[in-house]
Amino acid sequence: MFRGKYFTSLNSTGEAIAVREQIPEFACGSDGYDNMAFYAIVYDEEDKACGTGRLYIDDDSAFRIDFLGILPEFRGRYMGDLLARMLLYKAQELNAASVRALVPKELTRFFARYGFISQNNDAAQTEMRVDGDKIKLEGSCSKGKGQECAGNCENCK
């Protein structure tokens, strides 16, 4: 069983940044948003940090999720799902009107299951957005549950 934990910039951001630097897609240091972000870290059964993500308010006063990733050796165990839910729950807790994420094309279906909708079609990545009241923390299609379906999940094809 794995578990998740929240951190803020008031806590130490060092562990979240150290995990982020080990994820091949994010091999980068800290940036200006690290000092004002909420972080989620997921740990495995042996209490090893396996992945991280952050939520912050960007220069346009919009809530944004980025650097959401899992170390390669821990992928495929639904840890990314836990991180996404944790960050979206925190956004709801903070009454976010909407949440944005710049997403690689191959991950648009992952984000769509939480209610995110593509805002553009850049070649390598797409800007996705979900209104705060349309966040789907269950992480699956809401068709038949009284909510509007995004129409792009596996259950709808």
C-alpha atoms as a PDB file:
ATOM      1  CA  MET A   1       0.000   0.000   0.000  1.00  0.00           C
ATOM      2  CA  PHE A   2       1.279   3.454  -0.814  1.00  0.00           C
ATOM      3  CA  ARG A   3       0.386   6.792   0.737  1.00  0.00           C
ATOM      4  CA  GLY A   4       0.444  10.457  -0.169  1.00  0.00           C
ATOM      5  CA  LYS A   5       1.509  13.501   1.797  1.00  0.00           C
ATOM      6  CA  TYR A   6       1.101  17.247   1.250  1.00  0.00           C
ATOM      7  CA  PHE A   7       3.832  19.834   1.636  1.00  0.00           C
ATOM      8  CA  THR A   8       3.856  23.595   1.237  1.00  0.00           C
ATOM      9  CA  SER A   9       6.658  26.012   0.602  1.00  0.00           C
ATOM     10  CA  LEU A  10       6.521  26.716   4.343  1.00  0.00           C
ATOM     11  CA  ASN A  11       7.613  23.114   4.854  1.00  0.00           C
ATOM     12  CA  SER A  12      10.747  21.907   3.164  1.00  0.00           C
ATOM     13  CA  THR A  13      10.395  21.771  -0.618  1.00  0.00           C
ATOM     14  CA  GLY A  14      13.686  19.889  -0.832  1.00  0.00           C
ATOM     15  CA  GLU A  15      12.190  16.393  -0.938  1.00  0.00           C
ATOM     16  CA  ALA A  16       9.678  17.259  -3.671  1.00  0.00           C
ATOM     17  CA  ILE A  17      12.353  18.927  -5.799  1.00  0.00           C
ATOM     18  CA  ALA A  18      14.770  16.016  -5.215  1.00  0.00           C
ATOM     19  CA  VAL A  19      12.134  13.546  -6.464  1.00  0.00           C
ATOM     20  CA  ARG A  20      11.266  15.816  -9.415  1.00  0.00           C
ATOM     21  CA  GLU A  21      14.937  15.967 -10.443  1.00  0.00           C
ATOM     22  CA  GLN A  22      15.015  12.148 -10.685  1.00  0.00           C
ATOM     23  CA  ILE A  23      12.062  11.997 -13.095  1.00  0.00           C
ATOM     24  CA  PRO A  24      13.604  11.947 -16.594  1.00  0.00           C
ATOM     25  CA  GLU A  25      10.891  14.134 -18.141  1.00  0.00           C
ATOM     26  CA  PHE A  26      11.512  16.876 -15.541  1.00  0.00           C
ATOM     27  CA  ALA A  27      15.281  16.896 -15.077  1.00  0.00           C
ATOM     28  CA  CYS A  28      15.368  20.464 -13.795  1.00  0.00           C
ATOM     29  CA  GLY A  29      16.021  22.360 -10.625  1.00  0.00           C
ATOM     30  CA  SER A  30      13.733  24.693  -8.780  1.00  0.00           C
ATOM     31  CA  ASP A  31      11.990  27.750 -10.198  1.00  0.00           C
ATOM     32  CA  GLY A  32      10.151  30.788  -8.852  1.00  0.00           C
ATOM     33  CA  TYR A  33       6.900  28.914  -8.305  1.00  0.00           C
ATOM     34  CA  ASP A  34       8.499  26.463  -5.885  1.00  0.00           C
ATOM     35  CA  ASN A  35       8.354  29.072  -3.132  1.00  0.00           C
ATOM     36  CA  MET A  36       4.562  29.413  -3.377  1.00  0.00           C
ATOM     37  CA  ALA A  37       3.278  25.956  -4.249  1.00  0.00           C
ATOM     38  CA  PHE A  38       1.458  23.061  -2.646  1.00  0.00           C
ATOM     39  CA  TYR A  39       3.160  19.724  -3.253  1.00  0.00           C
ATOM     40  CA  ALA A  40       1.970  16.166  -3.141  1.00  0.00           C
ATOM     41  CA  ILE A  41       4.424  13.303  -2.759  1.00  0.00           C
ATOM     42  CA  VAL A  42       3.498   9.645  -2.985  1.00  0.00           C
ATOM     43  CA  TYR A  43       5.439   7.000  -1.034  1.00  0.00           C
ATOM     44  CA  ASP A  44       5.650   3.242  -1.514  1.00  0.00           C
ATOM     45  CA  GLU A  45       5.279   0.493   1.105  1.00  0.00           C
ATOM     46  CA  GLU A  46       8.862   1.059   2.268  1.00  0.00           C
ATOM     47  CA  ASP A  47       8.317   4.819   2.644  1.00  0.00           C
ATOM     48  CA  LYS A  48      10.389   5.683  -0.449  1.00  0.00           C
ATOM     49  CA  ALA A  49       9.255   8.802  -2.322  1.00  0.00           C
ATOM     50  CA  CYS A  50       8.096   7.611  -5.752  1.00  0.00           C
ATOM     51  CA  GLY A  51       6.560  10.673  -7.390  1.00  0.00           C
ATOM     52  CA  THR A  52       5.509  14.253  -6.939  1.00  0.00           C
ATOM     53  CA  GLY A  53       3.420  17.072  -8.356  1.00  0.00           C
ATOM     54  CA  ARG A  54       2.673  20.666  -7.487  1.00  0.00           C
ATOM     55  CA  LEU A  55      -0.220  23.114  -7.501  1.00  0.00           C
ATOM     56  CA  TYR A  56       0.309  26.870  -7.565  1.00  0.00           C
ATOM     57  CA  ILE A  57      -1.217  30.135  -8.723  1.00  0.00           C
ATOM     58  CA  ASP A  58       0.564  31.355 -11.858  1.00  0.00           C
ATOM     59  CA  ASP A  59       1.275  34.873 -13.152  1.00  0.00           C
ATOM     60  CA  ASP A  60      -2.253  35.044 -14.630  1.00  0.00           C
ATOM     61  CA  SER A  61      -3.808  34.271 -11.199  1.00  0.00           C
ATOM     62  CA  ALA A  62      -4.842  30.817 -12.415  1.00  0.00           C
ATOM     63  CA  PHE A  63      -4.407  27.586 -10.494  1.00  0.00           C
ATOM     64  CA  ARG A  64      -1.960  25.335 -12.300  1.00  0.00           C
ATOM     65  CA  ILE A  65      -0.779  21.751 -11.852  1.00  0.00           C
ATOM     66  CA  ASP A  66       2.632  20.826 -13.176  1.00  0.00           C
ATOM     67  CA  PHE A  67       5.595  18.546 -12.608  1.00  0.00           C
ATOM     68  CA  LEU A  68       3.214  15.688 -11.873  1.00  0.00           C
ATOM     69  CA  GLY A  69       5.261  12.551 -12.407  1.00  0.00           C
ATOM     70  CA  ILE A  70       6.307   9.169 -11.089  1.00  0.00           C
ATOM     71  CA  LEU A  71       9.798   7.694 -11.066  1.00  0.00           C
ATOM     72  CA  PRO A  72      10.033   5.188 -13.957  1.00  0.00           C
ATOM     73  CA  GLU A  73      10.451   2.105 -11.760  1.00  0.00           C
ATOM     74  CA  PHE A  74       7.150   2.849  -9.960  1.00  0.00           C
ATOM     75  CA  ARG A  75       4.924   3.605 -12.950  1.00  0.00           C
ATOM     76  CA  GLY A  76       1.834   1.553 -13.669  1.00  0.00           C
ATOM     77  CA  ARG A  77       0.825   1.273 -10.007  1.00  0.00           C
ATOM     78  CA  TYR A  78      -1.769   4.110  -9.978  1.00  0.00           C
ATOM     79  CA  MET A  79       0.501   6.448  -8.030  1.00  0.00           C
ATOM     80  CA  GLY A  80      -0.003   9.173 -10.650  1.00  0.00           C
ATOM     81  CA  ASP A  81      -3.735   8.830 -10.078  1.00  0.00           C
ATOM     82  CA  LEU A  82      -3.257   9.435  -6.354  1.00  0.00           C
ATOM     83  CA  LEU A  83      -1.102  12.513  -7.028  1.00  0.00           C
ATOM     84  CA  ALA A  84      -3.634  13.970  -9.476  1.00  0.00           C
ATOM     85  CA  ARG A  85      -6.504  13.445  -7.035  1.00  0.00           C
ATOM     86  CA  MET A  86      -4.541  14.967  -4.163  1.00  0.00           C
ATOM     87  CA  LEU A  87      -3.704  18.108  -6.125  1.00  0.00           C
ATOM     88  CA  LEU A  88      -7.229  18.480  -7.494  1.00  0.00           C
ATOM     89  CA  TYR A  89      -8.687  17.980  -4.027  1.00  0.00           C
ATOM     90  CA  LYS A  90      -6.398  20.741  -2.738  1.00  0.00           C
ATOM     91  CA  ALA A  91      -7.557  23.007  -5.602  1.00  0.00           C
ATOM     92  CA  GLN A  92     -11.176  22.371  -4.602  1.00  0.00           C
ATOM     93  CA  GLU A  93     -10.326  23.030  -0.970  1.00  0.00           C
ATOM     94  CA  LEU A  94      -8.876  26.396  -2.038  1.00  0.00           C
ATOM     95  CA  ASN A  95     -12.037  27.187  -4.079  1.00  0.00           C
ATOM     96  CA  ALA A  96     -10.211  27.276  -7.409  1.00  0.00           C
ATOM     97  CA  ALA A  97     -12.484  28.581 -10.153  1.00  0.00           C
ATOM     98  CA  SER A  98     -10.514  26.413 -12.580  1.00  0.00           C
ATOM     99  CA  VAL A  99      -7.281  24.442 -12.838  1.00  0.00           C
ATOM    100  CA  ARG A 100      -4.937  24.375 -15.829  1.00  0.00           C
ATOM    101  CA  ALA A 101      -2.187  22.009 -16.882  1.00  0.00           C
ATOM    102  CA  LEU A 102       0.206  21.981 -19.842  1.00  0.00           C
ATOM    103  CA  VAL A 103       0.089  18.314 -20.823  1.00  0.00           C
ATOM    104  CA  PRO A 104       2.135  16.176 -23.223  1.00  0.00           C
ATOM    105  CA  LYS A 105      -0.155  14.809 -25.963  1.00  0.00           C
ATOM    106  CA  GLU A 106       0.235  11.233 -24.706  1.00  0.00           C
ATOM    107  CA  LEU A 107      -1.209  12.201 -21.289  1.00  0.00           C
ATOM    108  CA  THR A 108      -4.338  14.049 -22.395  1.00  0.00           C
ATOM    109  CA  ARG A 109      -6.541  11.001 -21.736  1.00  0.00           C
ATOM    110  CA  PHE A 110      -5.103  10.718 -18.206  1.00  0.00           C
ATOM    111  CA  PHE A 111      -6.098  14.318 -17.423  1.00  0.00           C
ATOM    112  CA  ALA A 112      -9.450  14.029 -19.242  1.00  0.00           C
ATOM    113  CA  ARG A 113     -10.658  11.454 -16.723  1.00  0.00           C
ATOM    114  CA  TYR A 114     -10.578  14.194 -14.040  1.00  0.00           C
ATOM    115  CA  GLY A 115     -12.649  16.544 -16.207  1.00  0.00           C
ATOM    116  CA  PHE A 116      -9.858  18.418 -18.017  1.00  0.00           C
ATOM    117  CA  ILE A 117     -10.658  19.562 -21.558  1.00  0.00           C
ATOM    118  CA  SER A 118      -8.052  20.489 -24.196  1.00  0.00           C
ATOM    119  CA  GLN A 119      -7.817  24.211 -24.910  1.00  0.00           C
ATOM    120  CA  ASN A 120      -5.465  24.036 -27.923  1.00  0.00           C
ATOM    121  CA  ASN A 121      -3.687  21.524 -30.132  1.00  0.00           C
ATOM    122  CA  ASP A 122       0.017  22.279 -30.058  1.00  0.00           C
ATOM    123  CA  ALA A 123       2.116  19.576 -31.734  1.00  0.00           C
ATOM    124  CA  ALA A 124       3.876  18.313 -28.601  1.00  0.00           C
ATOM    125  CA  GLN A 125       1.600  19.372 -25.756  1.00  0.00           C
ATOM    126  CA  THR A 126      -1.787  20.846 -25.069  1.00  0.00           C
ATOM    127  CA  GLU A 127      -3.144  23.278 -22.523  1.00  0.00           C
ATOM    128  CA  MET A 128      -5.944  21.568 -20.577  1.00  0.00           C
ATOM    129  CA  ARG A 129      -8.418  23.124 -18.178  1.00  0.00           C
ATOM    130  CA  VAL A 130     -11.141  22.024 -15.797  1.00  0.00           C
ATOM    131  CA  ASP A 131     -13.618  24.262 -14.002  1.00  0.00           C
ATOM    132  CA  GLY A 132     -13.468  23.876 -10.236  1.00  0.00           C
ATOM    133  CA  ASP A 133     -17.044  22.633 -10.027  1.00  0.00           C
ATOM    134  CA  LYS A 134     -16.432  20.060 -12.776  1.00  0.00           C
ATOM    135  CA  ILE A 135     -13.405  18.335 -11.228  1.00  0.00           C
ATOM    136  CA  LYS A 136     -13.999  14.577 -11.162  1.00  0.00           C
ATOM    137  CA  LEU A 137     -12.112  13.248  -8.171  1.00  0.00           C
ATOM    138  CA  GLU A 138     -13.361   9.732  -8.875  1.00  0.00           C
ATOM    139  CA  GLY A 139     -11.068   9.838 -11.916  1.00  0.00           C
ATOM    140  CA  SER A 140     -13.444   8.111 -14.278  1.00  0.00           C
ATOM    141  CA  CYS A 141     -16.294   8.784 -16.614  1.00  0.00           C
ATOM    142  CA  SER A 142     -19.238  10.440 -14.892  1.00  0.00           C
ATOM    143  CA  LYS A 143     -21.725   9.437 -17.550  1.00  0.00           C
ATOM    144  CA  GLY A 144     -24.757   8.015 -15.818  1.00  0.00           C
ATOM    145  CA  LYS A 145     -23.858   9.767 -12.541  1.00  0.00           C
ATOM    146  CA  GLY A 146     -25.762  12.950 -13.276  1.00  0.00           C
ATOM    147  CA  GLN A 147     -22.736  14.801 -14.664  1.00  0.00           C
ATOM    148  CA  GLU A 148     -21.834  15.740 -18.193  1.00  0.00           C
ATOM    149  CA  CYS A 149     -19.330  13.390 -19.806  1.00  0.00           C
ATOM    150  CA  ALA A 150     -16.185  14.879 -21.332  1.00  0.00           C
ATOM    151  CA  GLY A 151     -16.697  12.421 -24.198  1.00  0.00           C
ATOM    152  CA  ASN A 152     -13.109  11.378 -24.614  1.00  0.00           C
ATOM    153  CA  CYS A 153     -12.556   8.603 -22.089  1.00  0.00           C
ATOM    154  CA  GLU A 154     -12.332   4.924 -22.952  1.00  0.00           C
ATOM    155  CA  ASN A 155     -15.894   4.275 -21.705  1.00  0.00           C
ATOM    156  CA  CYS A 156     -17.283   6.719 -24.263  1.00  0.00           C
ATOM    157  CA  LYS A 157     -15.618   5.332 -27.372  1.00  0.00           C
END
